[in-house]
C-alpha atoms as a PDB file:
ATOM      1  CA  MET A   1       0.000   0.000   0.000  1.00  0.00           C
ATOM      2  CA  SER A   2       1.315   3.450  -0.892  1.00  0.00           C
ATOM      3  CA  LYS A   3       2.174   5.975   1.799  1.00  0.00           C
ATOM      4  CA  THR A   4       0.459   9.314   1.463  1.00  0.00           C
ATOM      5  CA  VAL A   5       2.402  12.580   1.350  1.00  0.00           C
ATOM      6  CA  ALA A   6       1.431  16.188   2.028  1.00  0.00           C
ATOM      7  CA  ILE A   7       3.687  19.182   1.408  1.00  0.00           C
ATOM      8  CA  ALA A   8       3.791  22.524   3.189  1.00  0.00           C
ATOM      9  CA  GLY A   9       5.051  25.126   0.733  1.00  0.00           C
ATOM     10  CA  LEU A  10       5.309  25.229  -3.053  1.00  0.00           C
ATOM     11  CA  GLY A  11       8.480  27.241  -3.517  1.00  0.00           C
ATOM     12  CA  ALA A  12      11.985  26.330  -4.610  1.00  0.00           C
ATOM     13  CA  ILE A  13      11.879  23.046  -2.667  1.00  0.00           C
ATOM     14  CA  GLY A  14       8.220  22.138  -2.343  1.00  0.00           C
ATOM     15  CA  LEU A  15       7.257  22.537  -5.994  1.00  0.00           C
ATOM     16  CA  PRO A  16       9.905  20.151  -7.432  1.00  0.00           C
ATOM     17  CA  VAL A  17       8.961  17.602  -4.774  1.00  0.00           C
ATOM     18  CA  ALA A  18       5.253  17.923  -5.578  1.00  0.00           C
ATOM     19  CA  ARG A  19       5.982  17.657  -9.296  1.00  0.00           C
ATOM     20  CA  ALA A  20       8.046  14.482  -8.806  1.00  0.00           C
ATOM     21  CA  LEU A  21       5.249  12.918  -6.773  1.00  0.00           C
ATOM     22  CA  ASP A  22       2.682  13.916  -9.394  1.00  0.00           C
ATOM     23  CA  GLU A  23       4.802  12.305 -12.110  1.00  0.00           C
ATOM     24  CA  GLY A  24       4.930   9.148 -10.022  1.00  0.00           C
ATOM     25  CA  ILE A  25       7.147   7.676  -7.298  1.00  0.00           C
ATOM     26  CA  THR A  26       6.439   4.038  -6.527  1.00  0.00           C
ATOM     27  CA  GLY A  27       5.005   3.629  -3.058  1.00  0.00           C
ATOM     28  CA  LEU A  28       4.085   7.303  -2.567  1.00  0.00           C
ATOM     29  CA  ARG A  29       0.958   9.337  -3.303  1.00  0.00           C
ATOM     30  CA  LEU A  30       0.546  13.106  -2.980  1.00  0.00           C
ATOM     31  CA  ILE A  31      -2.747  13.967  -1.258  1.00  0.00           C
ATOM     32  CA  GLY A  32      -2.402  17.652  -0.442  1.00  0.00           C
ATOM     33  CA  VAL A  33      -0.324  20.814  -0.339  1.00  0.00           C
ATOM     34  CA  SER A  34      -0.447  24.102   1.521  1.00  0.00           C
ATOM     35  CA  SER A  35       0.505  27.568   0.357  1.00  0.00           C
ATOM     36  CA  HIS A  36       0.148  31.121   1.672  1.00  0.00           C
ATOM     37  CA  ASP A  37      -0.990  32.121  -1.833  1.00  0.00           C
ATOM     38  CA  PRO A  38      -3.644  29.663  -3.091  1.00  0.00           C
ATOM     39  CA  ALA A  39      -4.013  31.364  -6.475  1.00  0.00           C
ATOM     40  CA  LYS A  40      -0.278  31.156  -7.165  1.00  0.00           C
ATOM     41  CA  ALA A  41      -0.215  27.548  -5.965  1.00  0.00           C
ATOM     42  CA  ARG A  42      -2.975  26.538  -8.348  1.00  0.00           C
ATOM     43  CA  ALA A  43      -1.180  28.270 -11.216  1.00  0.00           C
ATOM     44  CA  ARG A  44       2.019  26.413 -10.420  1.00  0.00           C
ATOM     45  CA  MET A  45       0.185  23.092 -10.419  1.00  0.00           C
ATOM     46  CA  ALA A  46      -1.819  23.794 -13.566  1.00  0.00           C
ATOM     47  CA  ASP A  47       0.140  21.229 -15.589  1.00  0.00           C
ATOM     48  CA  PHE A  48      -0.023  18.480 -12.953  1.00  0.00           C
ATOM     49  CA  GLN A  49      -1.632  15.204 -13.990  1.00  0.00           C
ATOM     50  CA  THR A  50      -3.679  15.256 -10.786  1.00  0.00           C
ATOM     51  CA  GLU A  51      -3.876  18.556  -8.940  1.00  0.00           C
ATOM     52  CA  PRO A  52      -3.830  17.883  -5.177  1.00  0.00           C
ATOM     53  CA  PRO A  53      -6.214  19.782  -2.902  1.00  0.00           C
ATOM     54  CA  LEU A  54      -5.023  22.801  -0.940  1.00  0.00           C
ATOM     55  CA  MET A  55      -4.985  22.208   2.807  1.00  0.00           C
ATOM     56  CA  ASP A  56      -4.337  24.183   5.945  1.00  0.00           C
ATOM     57  CA  PHE A  57      -1.389  23.175   8.111  1.00  0.00           C
ATOM     58  CA  ALA A  58      -3.446  21.005  10.454  1.00  0.00           C
ATOM     59  CA  GLN A  59      -4.990  19.070   7.555  1.00  0.00           C
ATOM     60  CA  LEU A  60      -1.541  18.126   6.244  1.00  0.00           C
ATOM     61  CA  ALA A  61      -1.287  15.747   9.201  1.00  0.00           C
ATOM     62  CA  GLU A  62      -3.850  13.507   7.479  1.00  0.00           C
ATOM     63  CA  ALA A  63      -0.962  12.196   5.369  1.00  0.00           C
ATOM     64  CA  ASP A  64       1.476   9.496   6.469  1.00  0.00           C
ATOM     65  CA  ILE A  65       4.399  11.774   5.588  1.00  0.00           C
ATOM     66  CA  VAL A  66       4.412  15.557   6.014  1.00  0.00           C
ATOM     67  CA  VAL A  67       7.103  17.492   4.154  1.00  0.00           C
ATOM     68  CA  GLU A  68       7.948  20.979   5.438  1.00  0.00           C
ATOM     69  CA  ALA A  69       9.280  23.394   2.809  1.00  0.00           C
ATOM     70  CA  ALA A  70       7.923  26.681   4.112  1.00  0.00           C
ATOM     71  CA  PRO A  71       9.191  29.878   5.798  1.00  0.00           C
ATOM     72  CA  ALA A  72      10.697  29.503   9.275  1.00  0.00           C
ATOM     73  CA  SER A  73       7.926  31.635  10.774  1.00  0.00           C
ATOM     74  CA  VAL A  74       5.358  28.837  10.314  1.00  0.00           C
ATOM     75  CA  PHE A  75       7.611  25.865  11.091  1.00  0.00           C
ATOM     76  CA  GLU A  76       5.893  24.853  14.336  1.00  0.00           C
ATOM     77  CA  GLN A  77       2.435  25.306  12.845  1.00  0.00           C
ATOM     78  CA  ILE A  78       3.367  22.560  10.376  1.00  0.00           C
ATOM     79  CA  ALA A  79       5.458  20.353  12.657  1.00  0.00           C
ATOM     80  CA  VAL A  80       3.263  20.144  15.757  1.00  0.00           C
ATOM     81  CA  PRO A  81       0.080  18.730  14.148  1.00  0.00           C
ATOM     82  CA  ALA A  82       2.141  16.202  12.170  1.00  0.00           C
ATOM     83  CA  LEU A  83       4.059  15.041  15.236  1.00  0.00           C
ATOM     84  CA  GLN A  84       0.973  14.964  17.444  1.00  0.00           C
ATOM     85  CA  ALA A  85      -0.631  12.682  14.866  1.00  0.00           C
ATOM     86  CA  GLY A  86       2.378  10.342  14.930  1.00  0.00           C
ATOM     87  CA  ARG A  87       3.373  11.019  11.332  1.00  0.00           C
ATOM     88  CA  ILE A  88       6.742  10.995   9.598  1.00  0.00           C
ATOM     89  CA  PHE A  89       7.846  14.614   9.510  1.00  0.00           C
ATOM     90  CA  VAL A  90      10.417  15.577   6.851  1.00  0.00           C
ATOM     91  CA  PRO A  91      11.724  19.121   7.475  1.00  0.00           C
ATOM     92  CA  ALA A  92      13.585  20.715   4.602  1.00  0.00           C
ATOM     93  CA  SER A  93      14.341  23.578   7.002  1.00  0.00           C
ATOM     94  CA  ALA A  94      16.743  21.817   9.350  1.00  0.00           C
ATOM     95  CA  GLY A  95      17.865  25.240  10.545  1.00  0.00           C
ATOM     96  CA  SER A  96      14.376  25.799  11.950  1.00  0.00           C
ATOM     97  CA  LEU A  97      14.449  22.459  13.755  1.00  0.00           C
ATOM     98  CA  LEU A  98      17.757  23.086  15.524  1.00  0.00           C
ATOM     99  CA  PRO A  99      16.448  25.621  18.097  1.00  0.00           C
ATOM    100  CA  ARG A 100      13.236  23.604  18.543  1.00  0.00           C
ATOM    101  CA  MET A 101      14.488  20.263  19.796  1.00  0.00           C
ATOM    102  CA  HIS A 102      11.454  20.031  22.080  1.00  0.00           C
ATOM    103  CA  LEU A 103       9.756  18.757  18.931  1.00  0.00           C
ATOM    104  CA  ALA A 104      11.956  15.654  19.103  1.00  0.00           C
ATOM    105  CA  LYS A 105      10.584  15.007  22.604  1.00  0.00           C
ATOM    106  CA  LEU A 106       7.059  15.344  21.241  1.00  0.00           C
ATOM    107  CA  ALA A 107       7.883  12.753  18.574  1.00  0.00           C
ATOM    108  CA  VAL A 108       9.035  10.332  21.276  1.00  0.00           C
ATOM    109  CA  GLN A 109       5.732  10.761  23.106  1.00  0.00           C
ATOM    110  CA  THR A 110       3.556  10.161  20.037  1.00  0.00           C
ATOM    111  CA  GLY A 111       5.645   7.631  18.103  1.00  0.00           C
ATOM    112  CA  ALA A 112       6.240  10.081  15.265  1.00  0.00           C
ATOM    113  CA  ARG A 113       9.516  10.241  13.343  1.00  0.00           C
ATOM    114  CA  ILE A 114      11.562  13.247  12.236  1.00  0.00           C
ATOM    115  CA  VAL A 115      13.640  12.477   9.139  1.00  0.00           C
ATOM    116  CA  VAL A 116      15.995  15.275   8.089  1.00  0.00           C
ATOM    117  CA  PRO A 117      17.081  15.164   4.416  1.00  0.00           C
ATOM    118  CA  THR A 118      20.756  15.666   3.661  1.00  0.00           C
ATOM    119  CA  GLY A 119      19.845  18.780   1.697  1.00  0.00           C
ATOM    120  CA  ALA A 120      22.641  20.538  -0.165  1.00  0.00           C
ATOM    121  CA  ILE A 121      25.378  18.631   1.634  1.00  0.00           C
ATOM    122  CA  ALA A 122      27.502  15.556   0.984  1.00  0.00           C
ATOM    123  CA  GLY A 123      29.064  13.150   3.450  1.00  0.00           C
ATOM    124  CA  LEU A 124      26.516  13.055   6.282  1.00  0.00           C
ATOM    125  CA  ASP A 125      26.773   9.261   6.386  1.00  0.00           C
ATOM    126  CA  ALA A 126      30.494   9.572   7.129  1.00  0.00           C
ATOM    127  CA  VAL A 127      29.859  12.237   9.776  1.00  0.00           C
ATOM    128  CA  ARG A 128      27.185  10.117  11.432  1.00  0.00           C
ATOM    129  CA  ALA A 129      29.463   7.076  11.418  1.00  0.00           C
ATOM    130  CA  ALA A 130      32.403   9.037  12.840  1.00  0.00           C
ATOM    131  CA  ALA A 131      30.176  10.370  15.621  1.00  0.00           C
ATOM    132  CA  GLU A 132      29.673   6.812  16.885  1.00  0.00           C
ATOM    133  CA  GLY A 133      33.219   7.178  18.224  1.00  0.00           C
ATOM    134  CA  PRO A 134      35.257  10.055  19.671  1.00  0.00           C
ATOM    135  CA  VAL A 135      35.192  13.243  17.577  1.00  0.00           C
ATOM    136  CA  GLU A 136      37.557  16.129  18.193  1.00  0.00           C
ATOM    137  CA  SER A 137      35.910  18.725  15.968  1.00  0.00           C
ATOM    138  CA  VAL A 138      33.401  19.351  13.174  1.00  0.00           C
ATOM    139  CA  SER A 139      33.338  22.611  11.264  1.00  0.00           C
ATOM    140  CA  ILE A 140      31.749  24.016   8.140  1.00  0.00           C
ATOM    141  CA  GLU A 141      32.720  27.042   6.084  1.00  0.00           C
ATOM    142  CA  MET A 142      30.015  28.462   3.832  1.00  0.00           C
ATOM    143  CA  ARG A 143      30.527  30.903   0.957  1.00  0.00           C
ATOM    144  CA  LYS A 144      27.445  32.403  -0.647  1.00  0.00           C
ATOM    145  CA  PRO A 145      26.647  35.184  -3.120  1.00  0.00           C
ATOM    146  CA  PRO A 146      25.659  38.244  -1.045  1.00  0.00           C
ATOM    147  CA  VAL A 147      22.124  38.313  -2.464  1.00  0.00           C
ATOM    148  CA  GLY A 148      21.527  34.929  -0.841  1.00  0.00           C
ATOM    149  CA  LEU A 149      22.418  36.306   2.601  1.00  0.00           C
ATOM    150  CA  ALA A 150      20.846  39.762   2.434  1.00  0.00           C
ATOM    151  CA  GLY A 151      18.134  40.320   4.997  1.00  0.00           C
ATOM    152  CA  ALA A 152      19.337  37.690   7.463  1.00  0.00           C
ATOM    153  CA  PRO A 153      18.460  38.666  11.063  1.00  0.00           C
ATOM    154  CA  PHE A 154      22.113  38.536  12.157  1.00  0.00           C
ATOM    155  CA  LEU A 155      23.145  40.984   9.437  1.00  0.00           C
ATOM    156  CA  LEU A 156      20.281  43.346  10.186  1.00  0.00           C
ATOM    157  CA  ARG A 157      20.988  43.247  13.917  1.00  0.00           C
ATOM    158  CA  HIS A 158      24.650  44.139  13.397  1.00  0.00           C
ATOM    159  CA  GLY A 159      24.093  46.616  10.570  1.00  0.00           C
ATOM    160  CA  ILE A 160      26.080  44.582   8.045  1.00  0.00           C
ATOM    161  CA  ASP A 161      25.397  45.471   4.396  1.00  0.00           C
ATOM    162  CA  VAL A 162      26.571  42.740   2.031  1.00  0.00           C
ATOM    163  CA  LEU A 163      25.104  43.962  -1.251  1.00  0.00           C
ATOM    164  CA  ASP A 164      27.889  46.429  -2.125  1.00  0.00           C
ATOM    165  CA  LEU A 165      30.878  44.230  -1.297  1.00  0.00           C
ATOM    166  CA  THR A 166      33.957  44.341  -3.514  1.00  0.00           C
ATOM    167  CA  GLU A 167      35.734  41.494  -1.711  1.00  0.00           C
ATOM    168  CA  PRO A 168      34.695  38.468   0.390  1.00  0.00           C
ATOM    169  CA  LEU A 169      33.578  39.293   3.929  1.00  0.00           C
ATOM    170  CA  LEU A 170      33.411  36.910   6.891  1.00  0.00           C
ATOM    171  CA  VAL A 171      30.009  37.787   8.350  1.00  0.00           C
ATOM    172  CA  PHE A 172      29.683  35.050  10.977  1.00  0.00           C
ATOM    173  CA  ASP A 173      32.004  32.857  13.042  1.00  0.00           C
ATOM    174  CA  GLY A 174      30.356  30.849  15.800  1.00  0.00           C
ATOM    175  CA  THR A 175      28.292  27.783  16.689  1.00  0.00           C
ATOM    176  CA  ALA A 176      25.709  26.064  14.532  1.00  0.00           C
ATOM    177  CA  LEU A 177      23.059  26.949  17.112  1.00  0.00           C
ATOM    178  CA  ASP A 178      23.803  30.667  16.850  1.00  0.00           C
ATOM    179  CA  ALA A 179      24.040  30.415  13.070  1.00  0.00           C
ATOM    180  CA  ALA A 180      20.551  28.886  12.914  1.00  0.00           C
ATOM    181  CA  ALA A 181      19.153  31.801  14.906  1.00  0.00           C
ATOM    182  CA  GLY A 182      20.993  34.459  12.906  1.00  0.00           C
ATOM    183  CA  PHE A 183      20.571  32.980   9.432  1.00  0.00           C
ATOM    184  CA  PRO A 184      17.351  30.883   9.537  1.00  0.00           C
ATOM    185  CA  ALA A 185      17.029  30.756   5.740  1.00  0.00           C
ATOM    186  CA  ASN A 186      20.685  29.991   5.048  1.00  0.00           C
ATOM    187  CA  VAL A 187      22.069  27.352   7.391  1.00  0.00           C
ATOM    188  CA  ASN A 188      20.044  24.204   6.786  1.00  0.00           C
ATOM    189  CA  VAL A 189      23.295  22.557   5.735  1.00  0.00           C
ATOM    190  CA  ALA A 190      25.041  23.474   8.997  1.00  0.00           C
ATOM    191  CA  ALA A 191      22.005  22.379  11.014  1.00  0.00           C
ATOM    192  CA  ALA A 192      21.883  18.972   9.315  1.00  0.00           C
ATOM    193  CA  LEU A 193      25.609  18.584   9.941  1.00  0.00           C
ATOM    194  CA  ALA A 194      25.158  19.388  13.631  1.00  0.00           C
ATOM    195  CA  LEU A 195      22.282  16.937  14.002  1.00  0.00           C
ATOM    196  CA  ALA A 196      24.235  14.176  12.259  1.00  0.00           C
ATOM    197  CA  GLY A 197      27.417  14.755  14.232  1.00  0.00           C
ATOM    198  CA  ILE A 198      28.363  16.291  17.570  1.00  0.00           C
ATOM    199  CA  GLY A 199      25.540  18.729  18.154  1.00  0.00           C
ATOM    200  CA  PRO A 200      24.820  22.423  17.579  1.00  0.00           C
ATOM    201  CA  ILE A 201      27.137  23.797  20.266  1.00  0.00           C
ATOM    202  CA  ARG A 202      30.304  21.938  19.279  1.00  0.00           C
ATOM    203  CA  THR A 203      29.753  22.286  15.507  1.00  0.00           C
ATOM    204  CA  LYS A 204      31.501  25.449  14.327  1.00  0.00           C
ATOM    205  CA  VAL A 205      30.296  27.588  11.433  1.00  0.00           C
ATOM    206  CA  LYS A 206      31.874  30.323   9.330  1.00  0.00           C
ATOM    207  CA  ILE A 207      29.776  32.205   6.784  1.00  0.00           C
ATOM    208  CA  TRP A 208      31.308  34.330   4.020  1.00  0.00           C
ATOM    209  CA  ALA A 209      29.483  36.762   1.766  1.00  0.00           C
ATOM    210  CA  ASP A 210      31.453  36.501  -1.454  1.00  0.00           C
ATOM    211  CA  PRO A 211      30.673  38.867  -4.354  1.00  0.00           C
ATOM    212  CA  PHE A 212      32.657  36.628  -6.703  1.00  0.00           C
ATOM    213  CA  ALA A 213      30.725  33.462  -5.824  1.00  0.00           C
ATOM    214  CA  THR A 214      28.186  32.128  -8.302  1.00  0.00           C
ATOM    215  CA  ARG A 215      27.395  29.031  -6.269  1.00  0.00           C
ATOM    216  CA  ASN A 216      26.765  28.148  -2.624  1.00  0.00           C
ATOM    217  CA  VAL A 217      30.021  26.522  -1.503  1.00  0.00           C
ATOM    218  CA  HIS A 218      30.168  24.366   1.633  1.00  0.00           C
ATOM    219  CA  THR A 219      33.394  22.916   3.017  1.00  0.00           C
ATOM    220  CA  ILE A 220      33.165  20.493   5.948  1.00  0.00           C
ATOM    221  CA  THR A 221      36.140  19.394   8.018  1.00  0.00           C
ATOM    222  CA  VAL A 222      35.951  16.536  10.529  1.00  0.00           C
ATOM    223  CA  GLU A 223      38.646  15.435  12.975  1.00  0.00           C
ATOM    224  CA  ALA A 224      37.684  12.117  14.566  1.00  0.00           C
ATOM    225  CA  GLU A 225      39.367   9.055  16.024  1.00  0.00           C
ATOM    226  CA  ALA A 226      38.081   6.899  13.174  1.00  0.00           C
ATOM    227  CA  ALA A 227      38.821   9.283  10.308  1.00  0.00           C
ATOM    228  CA  ARG A 228      39.913  12.732   9.263  1.00  0.00           C
ATOM    229  CA  PHE A 229      38.188  14.132   6.212  1.00  0.00           C
ATOM    230  CA  THR A 230      37.254  17.267   4.320  1.00  0.00           C
ATOM    231  CA  ILE A 231      34.229  17.490   2.040  1.00  0.00           C
ATOM    232  CA  SER A 232      33.502  20.349  -0.347  1.00  0.00           C
ATOM    233  CA  ILE A 233      30.427  20.847  -2.481  1.00  0.00           C
ATOM    234  CA  GLU A 234      29.336  23.674  -4.802  1.00  0.00           C
ATOM    235  CA  ASN A 235      25.593  23.990  -5.190  1.00  0.00           C
ATOM    236  CA  VAL A 236      23.819  25.934  -7.912  1.00  0.00           C
ATOM    237  CA  PRO A 237      21.382  28.405  -6.292  1.00  0.00           C
ATOM    238  CA  SER A 238      17.726  28.072  -7.175  1.00  0.00           C
ATOM    239  CA  ALA A 239      16.528  30.596  -9.744  1.00  0.00           C
ATOM    240  CA  GLU A 240      13.433  31.193  -7.623  1.00  0.00           C
ATOM    241  CA  ASN A 241      15.223  31.578  -4.280  1.00  0.00           C
ATOM    242  CA  PRO A 242      19.012  32.197  -4.216  1.00  0.00           C
ATOM    243  CA  ARG A 243      19.089  31.208  -0.529  1.00  0.00           C
ATOM    244  CA  THR A 244      18.269  27.652  -1.582  1.00  0.00           C
ATOM    245  CA  GLY A 245      20.371  25.329  -3.712  1.00  0.00           C
ATOM    246  CA  ARG A 246      18.767  23.272  -6.462  1.00  0.00           C
ATOM    247  CA  LEU A 247      20.039  20.124  -4.766  1.00  0.00           C
ATOM    248  CA  ALA A 248      17.822  20.732  -1.725  1.00  0.00           C
ATOM    249  CA  GLY A 249      14.596  19.770  -3.474  1.00  0.00           C
ATOM    250  CA  LEU A 250      16.228  16.747  -5.088  1.00  0.00           C
ATOM    251  CA  SER A 251      17.445  15.683  -1.654  1.00  0.00           C
ATOM    252  CA  VAL A 252      13.890  15.675  -0.292  1.00  0.00           C
ATOM    253  CA  ILE A 253      12.767  13.553  -3.249  1.00  0.00           C
ATOM    254  CA  ALA A 254      15.593  11.080  -2.581  1.00  0.00           C
ATOM    255  CA  CYS A 255      14.670  11.050   1.110  1.00  0.00           C
ATOM    256  CA  LEU A 256      11.049  10.205   0.304  1.00  0.00           C
ATOM    257  CA  ARG A 257      12.123   7.404  -2.034  1.00  0.00           C
ATOM    258  CA  GLY A 258      14.278   6.004   0.757  1.00  0.00           C
ATOM    259  CA  LEU A 259      11.310   5.860   3.121  1.00  0.00           C
ATOM    260  CA  VAL A 260       9.505   3.332   0.901  1.00  0.00           C
ATOM    261  CA  SER A 261      12.357   1.661  -0.980  1.00  0.00           C
ATOM    262  CA  THR A 262      13.105  -2.014  -0.463  1.00  0.00           C
ATOM    263  CA  LEU A 263      16.791  -1.317  -1.155  1.00  0.00           C
ATOM    264  CA  ARG A 264      18.344   1.654   0.559  1.00  0.00           C
ATOM    265  CA  VAL A 265      21.996   2.682   0.223  1.00  0.00           C
ATOM    266  CA  GLY A 266      23.470   4.687   3.098  1.00  0.00           C
ATOM    267  CA  SER A 267      23.317   4.471   6.859  1.00  0.00           C
END
């Protein structure tokens, strides 16, 4: 029997996921979506084979799997009903989950599951494996085009203007927890890394606004007893939302396939 899926948000991540489900993924069936702009949502789904109904956040919990791909401001409105109903909750916004770990306790109480996609990052399996033993340090350095960082709460709070840069500027150097609070739309990669590894306090983050960058570049360095490794990935920003890499939506699709696949590669 197929598992049902509902998606919160039809932007740079949610729309590709909805489209893939509409085109057909064995074992999965899209039964609803939510959007803050119903008219725009219907227009975006005009070419779907079967247009799913629009739902409010609470109704999304009727599905077996609830995918969150919406602004951080409504994260809990999507997560809480899904977790209370014991569903599988797939947050694309790992950065919004990081400061809300009370939701993990709710999942324990109800039997729900929270499955975080790898997003625009490579090597989380290796990080997770290394974290089964002693780990000295985990860090990530992020370089993004300034337009993808503009408007972040941390920049506004400190009066940092990144749009007129003529050279790269280090705009943040701290923990993954603080990065999630200061850059809620930018650090899903760092949040996923922290959750997979040694936690949001010990995971260190540097964020550069780079006027010469055309891609979102993430470089991860891990020092562990079992291994020492560095991983670098360059993601093409989404045309719709430069804060999001194109790989993010594909990662959610791969995550959903893994939830119903009889053969799954990766720990």
